[in-house]
Amino acid sequence: MKKLIAVASAGLLILLTACSQVNSAATIGKTEIPVSTIEKSVNGILTERAKVDTTGMNLQTGATLNVSAVRFHVLSVLFDEIAAKMKMTISDAEIAQRRASIISQINGEAQLPKALVNAGIASFDFPRYVRTVLIAENLTQALKAAGDTSTDGSSIQKLIISMANEKKVVINPKYGSWDYTTGNIVDTAANSAVTTK
């Protein structure tokens, strides 16, 4: 009886693990990004596209759009982890201030929907995007203060790669896999040279 229970428990564990992988678009350490989050972002982007004139825009579609949404959420989490490690905080007031600055740059709130569609960002993900931009800018300033002279973003990329190695990034195979060399999501079928773990 004990053996039967043990076998049944092991089978259940495997089943639950498989279900978790199916429902997870990506995991970064203990942080899981559900497939539903990606679907929500993609559906938001597509819904908002239908409301604006997209003439002349180079918009992502299909699998490319899905992967782009996964990349956005994974990088957001990695930037959050880096900020936490460096004891860097981003306040709601800072996010609101930067949002207002962006609105000013695009000539008013009325232009925001079109700007977000062009950038491939769902409106409800915009605060998350602004937060990530602020973290990246603060990191750039901190690196410069420490003597970094690079201007191509390579130092930020190194921080992303380092944090990804520390936390371990796992991507649902339907979106591709995480390349630990470049700190990006890649289609492993199309690129057999990627470094994954």
C-alpha atoms as a PDB file:
ATOM      1  CA  MET A   1       0.000   0.000   0.000  1.00  0.00           C
ATOM      2  CA  LYS A   2       2.819   2.403   0.884  1.00  0.00           C
ATOM      3  CA  LYS A   3       4.517   1.639  -2.437  1.00  0.00           C
ATOM      4  CA  LEU A   4       1.259   2.272  -4.271  1.00  0.00           C
ATOM      5  CA  ILE A   5       0.825   5.645  -2.531  1.00  0.00           C
ATOM      6  CA  ALA A   6       4.452   6.555  -3.250  1.00  0.00           C
ATOM      7  CA  VAL A   7       4.040   5.719  -6.951  1.00  0.00           C
ATOM      8  CA  ALA A   8       0.760   7.634  -7.107  1.00  0.00           C
ATOM      9  CA  SER A   9       2.355  10.636  -5.374  1.00  0.00           C
ATOM     10  CA  ALA A  10       5.317  10.592  -7.760  1.00  0.00           C
ATOM     11  CA  GLY A  11       2.936  10.437 -10.710  1.00  0.00           C
ATOM     12  CA  LEU A  12       0.942  13.352  -9.319  1.00  0.00           C
ATOM     13  CA  LEU A  13       4.140  15.371  -8.806  1.00  0.00           C
ATOM     14  CA  ILE A  14       5.167  14.770 -12.423  1.00  0.00           C
ATOM     15  CA  LEU A  15       1.679  15.727 -13.600  1.00  0.00           C
ATOM     16  CA  LEU A  16       1.670  18.918 -11.540  1.00  0.00           C
ATOM     17  CA  THR A  17       5.153  19.827 -12.773  1.00  0.00           C
ATOM     18  CA  ALA A  18       4.066  19.284 -16.364  1.00  0.00           C
ATOM     19  CA  CYS A  19       0.950  21.405 -15.796  1.00  0.00           C
ATOM     20  CA  SER A  20       3.086  24.134 -14.251  1.00  0.00           C
ATOM     21  CA  GLN A  21       5.367  24.173 -17.293  1.00  0.00           C
ATOM     22  CA  VAL A  22       2.369  24.300 -19.643  1.00  0.00           C
ATOM     23  CA  ASN A  23       0.827  27.224 -17.748  1.00  0.00           C
ATOM     24  CA  SER A  24       4.145  29.058 -17.355  1.00  0.00           C
ATOM     25  CA  ALA A  25       5.525  31.245 -20.137  1.00  0.00           C
ATOM     26  CA  ALA A  26       8.769  31.728 -18.222  1.00  0.00           C
ATOM     27  CA  THR A  27      10.308  31.447 -14.788  1.00  0.00           C
ATOM     28  CA  ILE A  28      13.071  33.616 -13.391  1.00  0.00           C
ATOM     29  CA  GLY A  29      14.273  32.054 -10.168  1.00  0.00           C
ATOM     30  CA  LYS A  30      11.116  31.731  -8.061  1.00  0.00           C
ATOM     31  CA  THR A  31       9.171  34.246 -10.151  1.00  0.00           C
ATOM     32  CA  GLU A  32       6.754  32.738 -12.639  1.00  0.00           C
ATOM     33  CA  ILE A  33       5.267  34.570 -15.607  1.00  0.00           C
ATOM     34  CA  PRO A  34       2.029  32.759 -16.496  1.00  0.00           C
ATOM     35  CA  VAL A  35       1.031  32.164 -20.107  1.00  0.00           C
ATOM     36  CA  SER A  36      -2.142  34.108 -19.258  1.00  0.00           C
ATOM     37  CA  THR A  37      -0.030  37.220 -18.599  1.00  0.00           C
ATOM     38  CA  ILE A  38       1.523  36.961 -22.059  1.00  0.00           C
ATOM     39  CA  GLU A  39      -1.845  36.343 -23.676  1.00  0.00           C
ATOM     40  CA  LYS A  40      -3.287  39.377 -21.882  1.00  0.00           C
ATOM     41  CA  SER A  41      -0.442  41.609 -23.114  1.00  0.00           C
ATOM     42  CA  VAL A  42      -0.717  40.346 -26.699  1.00  0.00           C
ATOM     43  CA  ASN A  43      -4.510  40.664 -26.739  1.00  0.00           C
ATOM     44  CA  GLY A  44      -4.204  44.170 -25.314  1.00  0.00           C
ATOM     45  CA  ILE A  45      -1.753  45.162 -28.036  1.00  0.00           C
ATOM     46  CA  LEU A  46      -3.956  43.730 -30.800  1.00  0.00           C
ATOM     47  CA  THR A  47      -7.120  45.320 -29.398  1.00  0.00           C
ATOM     48  CA  GLU A  48      -5.456  48.716 -29.181  1.00  0.00           C
ATOM     49  CA  ARG A  49      -4.103  48.425 -32.734  1.00  0.00           C
ATOM     50  CA  ALA A  50      -7.664  48.293 -34.035  1.00  0.00           C
ATOM     51  CA  LYS A  51      -8.366  51.710 -32.496  1.00  0.00           C
ATOM     52  CA  VAL A  52      -5.615  53.725 -34.206  1.00  0.00           C
ATOM     53  CA  ASP A  53      -4.290  54.388 -37.685  1.00  0.00           C
ATOM     54  CA  THR A  54      -1.317  52.014 -38.094  1.00  0.00           C
ATOM     55  CA  THR A  55      -0.321  53.235 -41.560  1.00  0.00           C
ATOM     56  CA  GLY A  56       3.466  53.155 -41.930  1.00  0.00           C
ATOM     57  CA  MET A  57       4.042  51.220 -38.707  1.00  0.00           C
ATOM     58  CA  ASN A  58       6.225  48.114 -38.731  1.00  0.00           C
ATOM     59  CA  LEU A  59       4.179  45.960 -36.354  1.00  0.00           C
ATOM     60  CA  GLN A  60       5.019  42.520 -34.998  1.00  0.00           C
ATOM     61  CA  THR A  61       2.568  39.679 -35.523  1.00  0.00           C
ATOM     62  CA  GLY A  62       2.118  36.001 -34.689  1.00  0.00           C
ATOM     63  CA  ALA A  63       4.962  34.188 -32.950  1.00  0.00           C
ATOM     64  CA  THR A  64       7.216  37.256 -33.138  1.00  0.00           C
ATOM     65  CA  LEU A  65       4.700  39.306 -31.153  1.00  0.00           C
ATOM     66  CA  ASN A  66       4.290  36.522 -28.571  1.00  0.00           C
ATOM     67  CA  VAL A  67       8.047  36.231 -28.056  1.00  0.00           C
ATOM     68  CA  SER A  68       8.364  40.000 -27.813  1.00  0.00           C
ATOM     69  CA  ALA A  69       5.766  40.006 -25.014  1.00  0.00           C
ATOM     70  CA  VAL A  70       7.616  37.246 -23.162  1.00  0.00           C
ATOM     71  CA  ARG A  71      10.909  39.132 -23.570  1.00  0.00           C
ATOM     72  CA  PHE A  72       9.334  42.312 -22.162  1.00  0.00           C
ATOM     73  CA  HIS A  73       8.078  40.558 -19.037  1.00  0.00           C
ATOM     74  CA  VAL A  74      11.270  38.531 -18.481  1.00  0.00           C
ATOM     75  CA  LEU A  75      13.516  41.580 -18.822  1.00  0.00           C
ATOM     76  CA  SER A  76      11.234  43.559 -16.504  1.00  0.00           C
ATOM     77  CA  VAL A  77      11.667  40.909 -13.823  1.00  0.00           C
ATOM     78  CA  LEU A  78      15.440  40.766 -14.344  1.00  0.00           C
ATOM     79  CA  PHE A  79      15.701  44.554 -14.054  1.00  0.00           C
ATOM     80  CA  ASP A  80      13.628  44.391 -10.858  1.00  0.00           C
ATOM     81  CA  GLU A  81      16.006  41.768  -9.464  1.00  0.00           C
ATOM     82  CA  ILE A  82      19.053  43.887 -10.333  1.00  0.00           C
ATOM     83  CA  ALA A  83      17.463  46.958  -8.746  1.00  0.00           C
ATOM     84  CA  ALA A  84      16.663  44.983  -5.584  1.00  0.00           C
ATOM     85  CA  LYS A  85      20.213  43.631  -5.396  1.00  0.00           C
ATOM     86  CA  MET A  86      21.615  47.155  -5.718  1.00  0.00           C
ATOM     87  CA  LYS A  87      19.037  48.505  -3.239  1.00  0.00           C
ATOM     88  CA  MET A  88      17.674  50.809  -5.927  1.00  0.00           C
ATOM     89  CA  THR A  89      14.078  51.965  -5.511  1.00  0.00           C
ATOM     90  CA  ILE A  90      11.709  53.461  -8.063  1.00  0.00           C
ATOM     91  CA  SER A  91       8.783  55.344  -6.560  1.00  0.00           C
ATOM     92  CA  ASP A  92       5.287  55.765  -7.990  1.00  0.00           C
ATOM     93  CA  ALA A  93       6.004  59.496  -8.097  1.00  0.00           C
ATOM     94  CA  GLU A  94       9.054  58.906 -10.325  1.00  0.00           C
ATOM     95  CA  ILE A  95       6.994  56.716 -12.647  1.00  0.00           C
ATOM     96  CA  ALA A  96       4.259  59.379 -12.819  1.00  0.00           C
ATOM     97  CA  GLN A  97       6.835  62.089 -13.499  1.00  0.00           C
ATOM     98  CA  ARG A  98       8.442  60.125 -16.342  1.00  0.00           C
ATOM     99  CA  ARG A  99       5.028  59.287 -17.774  1.00  0.00           C
ATOM    100  CA  ALA A 100       4.187  62.993 -17.835  1.00  0.00           C
ATOM    101  CA  SER A 101       7.518  63.677 -19.555  1.00  0.00           C
ATOM    102  CA  ILE A 102       6.761  61.080 -22.236  1.00  0.00           C
ATOM    103  CA  ILE A 103       3.275  62.542 -22.757  1.00  0.00           C
ATOM    104  CA  SER A 104       4.876  65.945 -23.249  1.00  0.00           C
ATOM    105  CA  GLN A 105       7.382  64.547 -25.766  1.00  0.00           C
ATOM    106  CA  ILE A 106       4.630  62.990 -27.909  1.00  0.00           C
ATOM    107  CA  ASN A 107       2.516  66.176 -27.842  1.00  0.00           C
ATOM    108  CA  GLY A 108      -0.235  65.179 -25.459  1.00  0.00           C
ATOM    109  CA  GLU A 109      -2.232  62.345 -23.921  1.00  0.00           C
ATOM    110  CA  ALA A 110      -4.261  61.927 -27.109  1.00  0.00           C
ATOM    111  CA  GLN A 111      -1.128  60.704 -28.907  1.00  0.00           C
ATOM    112  CA  LEU A 112      -0.328  58.027 -26.316  1.00  0.00           C
ATOM    113  CA  PRO A 113      -2.464  55.182 -27.751  1.00  0.00           C
ATOM    114  CA  LYS A 114      -0.807  55.493 -31.157  1.00  0.00           C
ATOM    115  CA  ALA A 115       2.672  55.765 -29.617  1.00  0.00           C
ATOM    116  CA  LEU A 116       2.108  52.629 -27.533  1.00  0.00           C
ATOM    117  CA  VAL A 117       0.793  50.691 -30.532  1.00  0.00           C
ATOM    118  CA  ASN A 118       3.858  51.719 -32.539  1.00  0.00           C
ATOM    119  CA  ALA A 119       6.100  50.580 -29.662  1.00  0.00           C
ATOM    120  CA  GLY A 120       4.220  47.298 -29.203  1.00  0.00           C
ATOM    121  CA  ILE A 121       3.229  48.010 -25.594  1.00  0.00           C
ATOM    122  CA  ALA A 122      -0.221  47.346 -24.143  1.00  0.00           C
ATOM    123  CA  SER A 123      -1.559  50.406 -22.307  1.00  0.00           C
ATOM    124  CA  PHE A 124      -1.829  48.500 -19.011  1.00  0.00           C
ATOM    125  CA  ASP A 125       1.836  47.457 -19.331  1.00  0.00           C
ATOM    126  CA  PHE A 126       2.969  51.062 -19.802  1.00  0.00           C
ATOM    127  CA  PRO A 127       3.693  51.744 -16.090  1.00  0.00           C
ATOM    128  CA  ARG A 128       5.788  48.548 -16.013  1.00  0.00           C
ATOM    129  CA  TYR A 129       7.638  49.717 -19.119  1.00  0.00           C
ATOM    130  CA  VAL A 130       8.310  53.152 -17.569  1.00  0.00           C
ATOM    131  CA  ARG A 131       9.585  51.513 -14.380  1.00  0.00           C
ATOM    132  CA  THR A 132      11.991  49.342 -16.373  1.00  0.00           C
ATOM    133  CA  VAL A 133      13.252  52.360 -18.339  1.00  0.00           C
ATOM    134  CA  LEU A 134      13.904  54.248 -15.099  1.00  0.00           C
ATOM    135  CA  ILE A 135      15.824  51.304 -13.636  1.00  0.00           C
ATOM    136  CA  ALA A 136      17.930  51.024 -16.802  1.00  0.00           C
ATOM    137  CA  GLU A 137      18.703  54.754 -16.717  1.00  0.00           C
ATOM    138  CA  ASN A 138      19.630  54.677 -13.025  1.00  0.00           C
ATOM    139  CA  LEU A 139      21.875  51.677 -13.631  1.00  0.00           C
ATOM    140  CA  THR A 140      23.567  53.493 -16.507  1.00  0.00           C
ATOM    141  CA  GLN A 141      24.234  56.501 -14.259  1.00  0.00           C
ATOM    142  CA  ALA A 142      25.565  54.261 -11.475  1.00  0.00           C
ATOM    143  CA  LEU A 143      27.888  52.491 -13.899  1.00  0.00           C
ATOM    144  CA  LYS A 144      29.188  55.806 -15.262  1.00  0.00           C
ATOM    145  CA  ALA A 145      29.801  57.048 -11.728  1.00  0.00           C
ATOM    146  CA  ALA A 146      31.834  53.882 -11.162  1.00  0.00           C
ATOM    147  CA  GLY A 147      33.989  54.627 -14.210  1.00  0.00           C
ATOM    148  CA  ASP A 148      32.192  52.779 -17.003  1.00  0.00           C
ATOM    149  CA  THR A 149      32.788  54.509 -20.338  1.00  0.00           C
ATOM    150  CA  SER A 150      30.740  52.291 -22.659  1.00  0.00           C
ATOM    151  CA  THR A 151      27.952  53.935 -24.650  1.00  0.00           C
ATOM    152  CA  ASP A 152      26.489  50.929 -26.470  1.00  0.00           C
ATOM    153  CA  GLY A 153      24.480  49.435 -23.615  1.00  0.00           C
ATOM    154  CA  SER A 154      26.889  46.518 -23.261  1.00  0.00           C
ATOM    155  CA  SER A 155      27.380  47.115 -19.535  1.00  0.00           C
ATOM    156  CA  ILE A 156      23.627  46.880 -18.913  1.00  0.00           C
ATOM    157  CA  GLN A 157      23.532  43.726 -21.027  1.00  0.00           C
ATOM    158  CA  LYS A 158      26.263  42.228 -18.842  1.00  0.00           C
ATOM    159  CA  LEU A 159      24.173  42.946 -15.735  1.00  0.00           C
ATOM    160  CA  ILE A 160      21.166  41.236 -17.363  1.00  0.00           C
ATOM    161  CA  ILE A 161      23.264  38.216 -18.334  1.00  0.00           C
ATOM    162  CA  SER A 162      24.761  38.009 -14.848  1.00  0.00           C
ATOM    163  CA  MET A 163      21.366  38.180 -13.129  1.00  0.00           C
ATOM    164  CA  ALA A 164      19.904  35.639 -15.544  1.00  0.00           C
ATOM    165  CA  ASN A 165      22.755  33.282 -14.685  1.00  0.00           C
ATOM    166  CA  GLU A 166      22.207  33.861 -10.982  1.00  0.00           C
ATOM    167  CA  LYS A 167      18.428  33.373 -11.011  1.00  0.00           C
ATOM    168  CA  LYS A 168      18.202  30.902 -13.923  1.00  0.00           C
ATOM    169  CA  VAL A 169      15.725  31.720 -16.680  1.00  0.00           C
ATOM    170  CA  VAL A 170      13.503  29.000 -18.104  1.00  0.00           C
ATOM    171  CA  ILE A 171      11.366  29.765 -21.153  1.00  0.00           C
ATOM    172  CA  ASN A 172       8.389  27.677 -22.231  1.00  0.00           C
ATOM    173  CA  PRO A 173       9.666  25.843 -25.357  1.00  0.00           C
ATOM    174  CA  LYS A 174       6.761  27.117 -27.442  1.00  0.00           C
ATOM    175  CA  TYR A 175       8.324  30.595 -27.201  1.00  0.00           C
ATOM    176  CA  GLY A 176      11.954  29.467 -27.650  1.00  0.00           C
ATOM    177  CA  SER A 177      14.725  29.308 -25.072  1.00  0.00           C
ATOM    178  CA  TRP A 178      16.952  31.631 -23.080  1.00  0.00           C
ATOM    179  CA  ASP A 179      20.393  32.303 -24.543  1.00  0.00           C
ATOM    180  CA  TYR A 180      22.751  32.857 -21.604  1.00  0.00           C
ATOM    181  CA  THR A 181      25.390  34.363 -23.880  1.00  0.00           C
ATOM    182  CA  THR A 182      23.296  37.257 -25.180  1.00  0.00           C
ATOM    183  CA  GLY A 183      20.641  37.499 -22.451  1.00  0.00           C
ATOM    184  CA  ASN A 184      17.787  37.092 -24.905  1.00  0.00           C
ATOM    185  CA  ILE A 185      15.066  34.680 -26.044  1.00  0.00           C
ATOM    186  CA  VAL A 186      15.913  32.768 -29.184  1.00  0.00           C
ATOM    187  CA  ASP A 187      14.270  30.162 -31.369  1.00  0.00           C
ATOM    188  CA  THR A 188      16.433  27.119 -30.682  1.00  0.00           C
ATOM    189  CA  ALA A 189      15.200  25.395 -33.827  1.00  0.00           C
ATOM    190  CA  ALA A 190      16.560  28.248 -35.915  1.00  0.00           C
ATOM    191  CA  ASN A 191      19.770  28.722 -33.970  1.00  0.00           C
ATOM    192  CA  SER A 192      21.605  25.617 -32.773  1.00  0.00           C
ATOM    193  CA  ALA A 193      24.522  27.736 -31.489  1.00  0.00           C
ATOM    194  CA  VAL A 194      22.676  29.246 -28.519  1.00  0.00           C
ATOM    195  CA  THR A 195      24.030  28.721 -25.021  1.00  0.00           C
ATOM    196  CA  THR A 196      21.254  27.425 -22.772  1.00  0.00           C
ATOM    197  CA  LYS A 197      21.246  25.899 -19.315  1.00  0.00           C
END
